Amino acid sequence: MAVKERVGLVVSDKMQKTVVVAVENRAPHSKYGKIMVKTRRYKAHDEENSCRVGDRVRIQETRPLSKTKRWQIKEVLTR
């Protein structure tokens, strides 16, 4: 089974060792064809507290680390 990965933008770094990553999904509307933008927010584990708001990061799915945290930072793409 392949490990799920997403690329998104860090929108919050207020927690310790955790960041909130917003991932955009663009898909056409099933009936009207207009491109719709759906945003999903994931809490991701950041062991070194290195991510800041505005960073573009790649996250990967992992075992449950807390009640809401099931992702971890794989790499920081841009600062």
PDB file of N, CA and C in Angstrom:
ATOM      1  N   MET A   1       0.837  -1.190   0.000  1.00  0.00           N
ATOM      2  CA  MET A   1       0.000   0.000   0.000  1.00  0.00           C
ATOM      3  C   MET A   1       0.883   1.255   0.000  1.00  0.00           C
ATOM      4  N   ALA A   2       0.583   2.195  -0.863  1.00  0.00           N
ATOM      5  CA  ALA A   2       1.370   3.416  -0.975  1.00  0.00           C
ATOM      6  C   ALA A   2       1.049   4.378   0.166  1.00  0.00           C
ATOM      7  N   VAL A   3       2.061   5.127   0.576  1.00  0.00           N
ATOM      8  CA  VAL A   3       1.888   6.123   1.634  1.00  0.00           C
ATOM      9  C   VAL A   3       1.314   7.387   1.011  1.00  0.00           C
ATOM     10  N   LYS A   4       0.261   7.943   1.618  1.00  0.00           N
ATOM     11  CA  LYS A   4      -0.361   9.153   1.086  1.00  0.00           C
ATOM     12  C   LYS A   4       0.525  10.355   1.366  1.00  0.00           C
ATOM     13  N   GLU A   5       0.646  11.248   0.379  1.00  0.00           N
ATOM     14  CA  GLU A   5       1.400  12.485   0.526  1.00  0.00           C
ATOM     15  C   GLU A   5       0.580  13.634  -0.024  1.00  0.00           C
ATOM     16  N   ARG A   6       0.727  14.797   0.574  1.00  0.00           N
ATOM     17  CA  ARG A   6       0.048  16.008   0.131  1.00  0.00           C
ATOM     18  C   ARG A   6       1.042  17.167   0.174  1.00  0.00           C
ATOM     19  N   VAL A   7       0.806  18.192  -0.646  1.00  0.00           N
ATOM     20  CA  VAL A   7       1.609  19.415  -0.616  1.00  0.00           C
ATOM     21  C   VAL A   7       0.680  20.554  -0.248  1.00  0.00           C
ATOM     22  N   GLY A   8       1.080  21.358   0.735  1.00  0.00           N
ATOM     23  CA  GLY A   8       0.222  22.448   1.176  1.00  0.00           C
ATOM     24  C   GLY A   8       1.001  23.578   1.815  1.00  0.00           C
ATOM     25  N   LEU A   9       0.263  24.549   2.332  1.00  0.00           N
ATOM     26  CA  LEU A   9       0.816  25.768   2.907  1.00  0.00           C
ATOM     27  C   LEU A   9       0.572  25.757   4.410  1.00  0.00           C
ATOM     28  N   VAL A  10       1.603  26.098   5.180  1.00  0.00           N
ATOM     29  CA  VAL A  10       1.460  26.176   6.636  1.00  0.00           C
ATOM     30  C   VAL A  10       0.651  27.433   6.965  1.00  0.00           C
ATOM     31  N   VAL A  11      -0.479  27.255   7.663  1.00  0.00           N
ATOM     32  CA  VAL A  11      -1.338  28.391   8.000  1.00  0.00           C
ATOM     33  C   VAL A  11      -1.305  28.717   9.490  1.00  0.00           C
ATOM     34  N   SER A  12      -0.748  27.802  10.317  1.00  0.00           N
ATOM     35  CA  SER A  12      -0.634  28.074  11.752  1.00  0.00           C
ATOM     36  C   SER A  12       0.528  27.278  12.329  1.00  0.00           C
ATOM     37  N   ASP A  13       1.322  27.949  13.189  1.00  0.00           N
ATOM     38  CA  ASP A  13       2.423  27.267  13.879  1.00  0.00           C
ATOM     39  C   ASP A  13       2.413  27.597  15.368  1.00  0.00           C
ATOM     40  N   LYS A  14       1.226  27.855  15.911  1.00  0.00           N
ATOM     41  CA  LYS A  14       1.093  28.281  17.302  1.00  0.00           C
ATOM     42  C   LYS A  14       1.309  27.149  18.302  1.00  0.00           C
ATOM     43  N   MET A  15       1.119  25.899  17.873  1.00  0.00           N
ATOM     44  CA  MET A  15       1.252  24.764  18.786  1.00  0.00           C
ATOM     45  C   MET A  15       2.701  24.286  18.833  1.00  0.00           C
ATOM     46  N   GLN A  16       3.041  23.538  19.873  1.00  0.00           N
ATOM     47  CA  GLN A  16       4.373  22.975  19.990  1.00  0.00           C
ATOM     48  C   GLN A  16       4.456  21.679  19.207  1.00  0.00           C
ATOM     49  N   LYS A  17       5.438  21.582  18.317  1.00  0.00           N
ATOM     50  CA  LYS A  17       5.693  20.404  17.486  1.00  0.00           C
ATOM     51  C   LYS A  17       4.523  20.041  16.582  1.00  0.00           C
ATOM     52  N   THR A  18       3.647  20.998  16.296  1.00  0.00           N
ATOM     53  CA  THR A  18       2.502  20.760  15.413  1.00  0.00           C
ATOM     54  C   THR A  18       2.276  21.983  14.543  1.00  0.00           C
ATOM     55  N   VAL A  19       1.971  21.765  13.272  1.00  0.00           N
ATOM     56  CA  VAL A  19       1.583  22.856  12.376  1.00  0.00           C
ATOM     57  C   VAL A  19       0.282  22.468  11.696  1.00  0.00           C
ATOM     58  N   VAL A  20      -0.474  23.480  11.260  1.00  0.00           N
ATOM     59  CA  VAL A  20      -1.696  23.249  10.494  1.00  0.00           C
ATOM     60  C   VAL A  20      -1.369  23.539   9.031  1.00  0.00           C
ATOM     61  N   VAL A  21      -1.617  22.568   8.167  1.00  0.00           N
ATOM     62  CA  VAL A  21      -1.292  22.681   6.746  1.00  0.00           C
ATOM     63  C   VAL A  21      -2.581  22.682   5.944  1.00  0.00           C
ATOM     64  N   ALA A  22      -2.768  23.718   5.121  1.00  0.00           N
ATOM     65  CA  ALA A  22      -3.940  23.820   4.256  1.00  0.00           C
ATOM     66  C   ALA A  22      -3.582  23.270   2.881  1.00  0.00           C
ATOM     67  N   VAL A  23      -4.343  22.260   2.446  1.00  0.00           N
ATOM     68  CA  VAL A  23      -4.108  21.622   1.148  1.00  0.00           C
ATOM     69  C   VAL A  23      -5.281  21.959   0.240  1.00  0.00           C
ATOM     70  N   GLU A  24      -4.980  22.545  -0.921  1.00  0.00           N
ATOM     71  CA  GLU A  24      -6.021  22.919  -1.890  1.00  0.00           C
ATOM     72  C   GLU A  24      -6.236  21.783  -2.884  1.00  0.00           C
ATOM     73  N   ASN A  25      -7.505  21.508  -3.175  1.00  0.00           N
ATOM     74  CA  ASN A  25      -7.853  20.533  -4.202  1.00  0.00           C
ATOM     75  C   ASN A  25      -8.713  21.243  -5.239  1.00  0.00           C
ATOM     76  N   ARG A  26      -8.243  21.284  -6.472  1.00  0.00           N
ATOM     77  CA  ARG A  26      -8.980  21.943  -7.554  1.00  0.00           C
ATOM     78  C   ARG A  26      -9.582  20.874  -8.460  1.00  0.00           C
ATOM     79  N   ALA A  27     -10.911  20.956  -8.641  1.00  0.00           N
ATOM     80  CA  ALA A  27     -11.597  19.974  -9.487  1.00  0.00           C
ATOM     81  C   ALA A  27     -12.797  20.654 -10.140  1.00  0.00           C
ATOM     82  N   PRO A  28     -13.134  20.242 -11.366  1.00  0.00           N
ATOM     83  CA  PRO A  28     -14.299  20.835 -12.014  1.00  0.00           C
ATOM     84  C   PRO A  28     -15.603  20.393 -11.355  1.00  0.00           C
ATOM     85  N   HIS A  29     -16.584  21.282 -11.327  1.00  0.00           N
ATOM     86  CA  HIS A  29     -17.909  20.958 -10.808  1.00  0.00           C
ATOM     87  C   HIS A  29     -18.523  19.891 -11.708  1.00  0.00           C
ATOM     88  N   SER A  30     -19.197  18.912 -11.102  1.00  0.00           N
ATOM     89  CA  SER A  30     -19.695  17.781 -11.868  1.00  0.00           C
ATOM     90  C   SER A  30     -20.730  18.178 -12.912  1.00  0.00           C
ATOM     91  N   LYS A  31     -21.546  19.217 -12.626  1.00  0.00           N
ATOM     92  CA  LYS A  31     -22.588  19.613 -13.561  1.00  0.00           C
ATOM     93  C   LYS A  31     -22.177  20.814 -14.416  1.00  0.00           C
ATOM     94  N   TYR A  32     -21.592  21.836 -13.780  1.00  0.00           N
ATOM     95  CA  TYR A  32     -21.357  23.105 -14.484  1.00  0.00           C
ATOM     96  C   TYR A  32     -19.950  23.264 -15.038  1.00  0.00           C
ATOM     97  N   GLY A  33     -19.005  22.446 -14.597  1.00  0.00           N
ATOM     98  CA  GLY A  33     -17.671  22.477 -15.182  1.00  0.00           C
ATOM     99  C   GLY A  33     -16.749  23.544 -14.636  1.00  0.00           C
ATOM    100  N   LYS A  34     -17.259  24.459 -13.806  1.00  0.00           N
ATOM    101  CA  LYS A  34     -16.405  25.495 -13.238  1.00  0.00           C
ATOM    102  C   LYS A  34     -15.391  24.860 -12.281  1.00  0.00           C
ATOM    103  N   ILE A  35     -14.164  25.358 -12.287  1.00  0.00           N
ATOM    104  CA  ILE A  35     -13.135  24.831 -11.397  1.00  0.00           C
ATOM    105  C   ILE A  35     -13.437  25.282  -9.970  1.00  0.00           C
ATOM    106  N   MET A  36     -13.671  24.321  -9.086  1.00  0.00           N
ATOM    107  CA  MET A  36     -13.968  24.609  -7.690  1.00  0.00           C
ATOM    108  C   MET A  36     -12.708  24.359  -6.861  1.00  0.00           C
ATOM    109  N   VAL A  37     -12.479  25.211  -5.860  1.00  0.00           N
ATOM    110  CA  VAL A  37     -11.330  25.058  -4.975  1.00  0.00           C
ATOM    111  C   VAL A  37     -11.831  24.630  -3.610  1.00  0.00           C
ATOM    112  N   LYS A  38     -11.400  23.447  -3.177  1.00  0.00           N
ATOM    113  CA  LYS A  38     -11.777  22.944  -1.858  1.00  0.00           C
ATOM    114  C   LYS A  38     -10.511  22.875  -1.021  1.00  0.00           C
ATOM    115  N   THR A  39     -10.549  23.456   0.177  1.00  0.00           N
ATOM    116  CA  THR A  39      -9.388  23.481   1.058  1.00  0.00           C
ATOM    117  C   THR A  39      -9.625  22.551   2.239  1.00  0.00           C
ATOM    118  N   ARG A  40      -8.630  21.726   2.525  1.00  0.00           N
ATOM    119  CA  ARG A  40      -8.694  20.809   3.654  1.00  0.00           C
ATOM    120  C   ARG A  40      -7.504  21.108   4.557  1.00  0.00           C
ATOM    121  N   ARG A  41      -7.745  21.176   5.863  1.00  0.00           N
ATOM    122  CA  ARG A  41      -6.681  21.510   6.814  1.00  0.00           C
ATOM    123  C   ARG A  41      -6.272  20.258   7.594  1.00  0.00           C
ATOM    124  N   TYR A  42      -4.972  19.988   7.584  1.00  0.00           N
ATOM    125  CA  TYR A  42      -4.428  18.832   8.294  1.00  0.00           C
ATOM    126  C   TYR A  42      -3.493  19.319   9.393  1.00  0.00           C
ATOM    127  N   LYS A  43      -3.532  18.654  10.557  1.00  0.00           N
ATOM    128  CA  LYS A  43      -2.539  18.906  11.603  1.00  0.00           C
ATOM    129  C   LYS A  43      -1.390  17.937  11.376  1.00  0.00           C
ATOM    130  N   ALA A  44      -0.170  18.480  11.311  1.00  0.00           N
ATOM    131  CA  ALA A  44       0.996  17.654  11.008  1.00  0.00           C
ATOM    132  C   ALA A  44       2.059  17.813  12.085  1.00  0.00           C
ATOM    133  N   HIS A  45       2.753  16.719  12.363  1.00  0.00           N
ATOM    134  CA  HIS A  45       3.811  16.704  13.377  1.00  0.00           C
ATOM    135  C   HIS A  45       5.079  17.333  12.808  1.00  0.00           C
ATOM    136  N   ASP A  46       5.658  18.294  13.566  1.00  0.00           N
ATOM    137  CA  ASP A  46       6.880  18.994  13.176  1.00  0.00           C
ATOM    138  C   ASP A  46       7.854  18.878  14.346  1.00  0.00           C
ATOM    139  N   GLU A  47       8.679  17.845  14.323  1.00  0.00           N
ATOM    140  CA  GLU A  47       9.532  17.506  15.473  1.00  0.00           C
ATOM    141  C   GLU A  47      10.475  18.635  15.880  1.00  0.00           C
ATOM    142  N   GLU A  48      11.069  19.342  14.895  1.00  0.00           N
ATOM    143  CA  GLU A  48      12.063  20.381  15.219  1.00  0.00           C
ATOM    144  C   GLU A  48      11.454  21.769  15.375  1.00  0.00           C
ATOM    145  N   ASN A  49      10.138  21.914  15.235  1.00  0.00           N
ATOM    146  CA  ASN A  49       9.490  23.235  15.260  1.00  0.00           C
ATOM    147  C   ASN A  49      10.116  24.178  14.236  1.00  0.00           C
ATOM    148  N   SER A  50      10.449  23.661  13.055  1.00  0.00           N
ATOM    149  CA  SER A  50      11.173  24.447  12.057  1.00  0.00           C
ATOM    150  C   SER A  50      10.258  25.171  11.075  1.00  0.00           C
ATOM    151  N   CYS A  51       9.008  24.734  10.925  1.00  0.00           N
ATOM    152  CA  CYS A  51       8.096  25.330   9.947  1.00  0.00           C
ATOM    153  C   CYS A  51       7.515  26.635  10.472  1.00  0.00           C
ATOM    154  N   ARG A  52       7.332  27.593   9.563  1.00  0.00           N
ATOM    155  CA  ARG A  52       6.728  28.879   9.878  1.00  0.00           C
ATOM    156  C   ARG A  52       5.528  29.101   8.962  1.00  0.00           C
ATOM    157  N   VAL A  53       4.675  30.053   9.325  1.00  0.00           N
ATOM    158  CA  VAL A  53       3.502  30.372   8.504  1.00  0.00           C
ATOM    159  C   VAL A  53       3.972  30.829   7.128  1.00  0.00           C
ATOM    160  N   GLY A  54       3.368  30.283   6.083  1.00  0.00           N
ATOM    161  CA  GLY A  54       3.724  30.640   4.711  1.00  0.00           C
ATOM    162  C   GLY A  54       4.636  29.638   4.032  1.00  0.00           C
ATOM    163  N   ASP A  55       5.221  28.714   4.782  1.00  0.00           N
ATOM    164  CA  ASP A  55       6.088  27.697   4.185  1.00  0.00           C
ATOM    165  C   ASP A  55       5.259  26.721   3.363  1.00  0.00           C
ATOM    166  N   ARG A  56       5.822  26.290   2.227  1.00  0.00           N
ATOM    167  CA  ARG A  56       5.192  25.252   1.420  1.00  0.00           C
ATOM    168  C   ARG A  56       5.843  23.937   1.817  1.00  0.00           C
ATOM    169  N   VAL A  57       5.044  22.960   2.253  1.00  0.00           N
ATOM    170  CA  VAL A  57       5.591  21.720   2.799  1.00  0.00           C
ATOM    171  C   VAL A  57       4.932  20.502   2.163  1.00  0.00           C
ATOM    172  N   ARG A  58       5.653  19.380   2.231  1.00  0.00           N
ATOM    173  CA  ARG A  58       5.108  18.089   1.828  1.00  0.00           C
ATOM    174  C   ARG A  58       4.850  17.309   3.111  1.00  0.00           C
ATOM    175  N   ILE A  59       3.614  16.794   3.266  1.00  0.00           N
ATOM    176  CA  ILE A  59       3.275  16.014   4.454  1.00  0.00           C
ATOM    177  C   ILE A  59       2.975  14.578   4.041  1.00  0.00           C
ATOM    178  N   GLN A  60       3.181  13.661   4.975  1.00  0.00           N
ATOM    179  CA  GLN A  60       2.927  12.252   4.682  1.00  0.00           C
ATOM    180  C   GLN A  60       2.137  11.642   5.824  1.00  0.00           C
ATOM    181  N   GLU A  61       1.238  10.725   5.455  1.00  0.00           N
ATOM    182  CA  GLU A  61       0.375  10.086   6.440  1.00  0.00           C
ATOM    183  C   GLU A  61       1.184   9.167   7.342  1.00  0.00           C
ATOM    184  N   THR A  62       0.793   9.109   8.621  1.00  0.00           N
ATOM    185  CA  THR A  62       1.488   8.278   9.595  1.00  0.00           C
ATOM    186  C   THR A  62       0.466   7.695  10.563  1.00  0.00           C
ATOM    187  N   ARG A  63       0.938   6.951  11.548  1.00  0.00           N
ATOM    188  CA  ARG A  63       0.041   6.407  12.562  1.00  0.00           C
ATOM    189  C   ARG A  63      -0.550   7.555  13.377  1.00  0.00           C
ATOM    190  N   PRO A  64      -1.663   7.366  14.072  1.00  0.00           N
ATOM    191  CA  PRO A  64      -2.228   8.438  14.895  1.00  0.00           C
ATOM    192  C   PRO A  64      -1.250   8.869  15.987  1.00  0.00           C
ATOM    193  N   LEU A  65      -0.932  10.168  16.005  1.00  0.00           N
ATOM    194  CA  LEU A  65      -0.011  10.719  16.996  1.00  0.00           C
ATOM    195  C   LEU A  65      -0.761  11.403  18.128  1.00  0.00           C
ATOM    196  N   SER A  66      -1.997  11.810  17.880  1.00  0.00           N
ATOM    197  CA  SER A  66      -2.853  12.396  18.904  1.00  0.00           C
ATOM    198  C   SER A  66      -4.290  12.249  18.418  1.00  0.00           C
ATOM    199  N   LYS A  67      -5.215  12.934  19.082  1.00  0.00           N
ATOM    200  CA  LYS A  67      -6.623  12.814  18.706  1.00  0.00           C
ATOM    201  C   LYS A  67      -6.869  13.261  17.267  1.00  0.00           C
ATOM    202  N   THR A  68      -6.206  14.332  16.823  1.00  0.00           N
ATOM    203  CA  THR A  68      -6.465  14.880  15.489  1.00  0.00           C
ATOM    204  C   THR A  68      -5.255  14.838  14.560  1.00  0.00           C
ATOM    205  N   LYS A  69      -4.104  14.391  15.047  1.00  0.00           N
ATOM    206  CA  LYS A  69      -2.866  14.470  14.264  1.00  0.00           C
ATOM    207  C   LYS A  69      -2.509  13.113  13.673  1.00  0.00           C
ATOM    208  N   ARG A  70      -2.591  13.009  12.329  1.00  0.00           N
ATOM    209  CA  ARG A  70      -2.268  11.761  11.628  1.00  0.00           C
ATOM    210  C   ARG A  70      -1.292  11.970  10.472  1.00  0.00           C
ATOM    211  N   TRP A  71      -0.640  13.126  10.426  1.00  0.00           N
ATOM    212  CA  TRP A  71       0.299  13.453   9.357  1.00  0.00           C
ATOM    213  C   TRP A  71       1.600  13.953   9.969  1.00  0.00           C
ATOM    214  N   GLN A  72       2.687  13.865   9.197  1.00  0.00           N
ATOM    215  CA  GLN A  72       3.961  14.419   9.647  1.00  0.00           C
ATOM    216  C   GLN A  72       4.637  15.144   8.492  1.00  0.00           C
ATOM    217  N   ILE A  73       5.474  16.134   8.829  1.00  0.00           N
ATOM    218  CA  ILE A  73       6.188  16.901   7.817  1.00  0.00           C
ATOM    219  C   ILE A  73       7.278  16.016   7.219  1.00  0.00           C
ATOM    220  N   LYS A  74       7.275  15.890   5.896  1.00  0.00           N
ATOM    221  CA  LYS A  74       8.306  15.109   5.225  1.00  0.00           C
ATOM    222  C   LYS A  74       9.452  16.021   4.802  1.00  0.00           C
ATOM    223  N   GLU A  75       9.097  17.184   4.178  1.00  0.00           N
ATOM    224  CA  GLU A  75      10.126  18.144   3.783  1.00  0.00           C
ATOM    225  C   GLU A  75       9.517  19.517   3.603  1.00  0.00           C
ATOM    226  N   VAL A  76      10.364  20.541   3.763  1.00  0.00           N
ATOM    227  CA  VAL A  76       9.960  21.921   3.514  1.00  0.00           C
ATOM    228  C   VAL A  76      10.397  22.246   2.091  1.00  0.00           C
ATOM    229  N   LEU A  77       9.440  22.588   1.229  1.00  0.00           N
ATOM    230  CA  LEU A  77       9.746  22.855  -0.176  1.00  0.00           C
ATOM    231  C   LEU A  77      10.251  24.272  -0.382  1.00  0.00           C
ATOM    232  N   THR A  78       9.518  25.265   0.151  1.00  0.00           N
ATOM    233  CA  THR A  78       9.959  26.663   0.066  1.00  0.00           C
ATOM    234  C   THR A  78       9.678  27.349   1.381  1.00  0.00           C
ATOM    235  N   ARG A  79      10.526  28.294   1.726  1.00  0.00           N
ATOM    236  CA  ARG A  79      10.361  29.058   2.967  1.00  0.00           C
ATOM    237  C   ARG A  79       9.517  30.270   2.699  1.00  0.00           C
TER     238      ARG A  79
END
